[in-house]
Amino acid sequence: MENLTNAGLGARSKEDVALDLMKFVAGTVGVGRPAAPSTGFSGTGTAKPEEHVKELLALYARCLKAVEGGKASS
């Protein structure tokens, strides 16, 4: 079965799979996106770009660990 999935495409590295997984998760739950402006009181300020980068890197590390079969820490 694995031979059919990789036929003509070449083998994908674990890093590539982890990156695709991170993109999917980040896009689905909105990790790394600035908060949408809303009316009314907001208890939290907008996150800085550096904080978004840290969130995405932490998410990538967790995805890579999951792809490698390790246990992801929370």
Protein backbone atom coordinates (compact mmCIF):
# COMPACT_ATOMS: atom_id res chain seq x y z
CA MET A 1 0.00 0.00 0.00
CA GLU A 2 2.83 2.41 0.86
CA ASN A 3 4.36 1.80 -2.56
CA LEU A 4 1.15 2.98 -4.22
CA THR A 5 0.99 6.20 -2.21
CA ASN A 6 4.57 7.17 -3.01
CA ALA A 7 4.52 5.98 -6.63
CA GLY A 8 6.09 8.70 -8.78
CA LEU A 9 6.09 11.22 -5.95
CA GLY A 10 9.17 10.16 -4.08
CA ALA A 11 9.33 9.60 -0.36
CA ARG A 12 8.27 12.48 1.84
CA SER A 13 10.36 13.29 4.85
CA LYS A 14 8.93 13.37 8.33
CA GLU A 15 9.64 17.10 8.40
CA ASP A 16 7.45 17.63 5.31
CA VAL A 17 4.61 15.64 6.82
CA ALA A 18 4.93 17.53 10.11
CA LEU A 19 4.87 20.85 8.25
CA ASP A 20 1.69 19.88 6.39
CA LEU A 21 0.12 18.76 9.65
CA MET A 22 1.09 22.05 11.30
CA LYS A 23 -0.41 24.04 8.42
CA PHE A 24 -3.65 22.09 8.70
CA VAL A 25 -3.93 22.46 12.47
CA ALA A 26 -2.91 26.14 12.45
CA GLY A 27 -5.40 26.94 9.71
CA THR A 28 -8.19 25.01 11.39
CA VAL A 29 -7.86 26.49 14.87
CA GLY A 30 -6.34 29.84 13.95
CA VAL A 31 -2.96 29.46 15.66
CA GLY A 32 -0.62 32.25 14.65
CA ARG A 33 -3.35 34.52 13.33
CA PRO A 34 -3.96 37.90 14.84
CA ALA A 35 -7.14 38.15 16.87
CA ALA A 36 -10.10 39.51 14.94
CA PRO A 37 -11.15 42.96 16.07
CA SER A 38 -14.35 42.98 18.05
CA THR A 39 -16.55 45.57 19.64
CA GLY A 40 -16.77 45.88 23.37
CA PHE A 41 -14.39 45.06 26.14
CA SER A 42 -11.48 42.79 25.37
CA GLY A 43 -9.50 41.35 28.25
CA THR A 44 -6.45 40.49 26.19
CA GLY A 45 -4.34 42.66 23.97
CA THR A 46 -3.33 41.72 20.47
CA ALA A 47 -0.43 39.31 20.28
CA LYS A 48 2.86 40.47 18.84
CA PRO A 49 4.27 38.84 15.71
CA GLU A 50 7.04 37.28 17.82
CA GLU A 51 4.40 35.53 19.94
CA HIS A 52 2.75 34.14 16.80
CA VAL A 53 6.09 32.80 15.62
CA LYS A 54 6.70 31.12 18.99
CA GLU A 55 3.24 29.51 18.85
CA LEU A 56 3.84 28.19 15.33
CA LEU A 57 7.29 26.83 16.21
CA ALA A 58 5.91 25.09 19.28
CA LEU A 59 3.09 23.63 17.18
CA TYR A 60 5.59 22.42 14.56
CA ALA A 61 7.68 20.73 17.26
CA ARG A 62 4.59 18.94 18.56
CA CYS A 63 3.59 17.87 15.04
CA LEU A 64 7.09 16.56 14.29
CA LYS A 65 7.09 14.60 17.54
CA ALA A 66 3.69 13.12 16.65
CA VAL A 67 4.86 12.14 13.15
CA GLU A 68 7.98 10.51 14.58
CA GLY A 69 5.80 8.49 16.93
CA GLY A 70 6.88 10.24 20.10
CA LYS A 71 4.60 11.52 22.78
CA ALA A 72 3.88 15.25 22.45
CA SER A 73 4.15 17.31 25.60
CA SER A 74 1.54 19.92 26.35
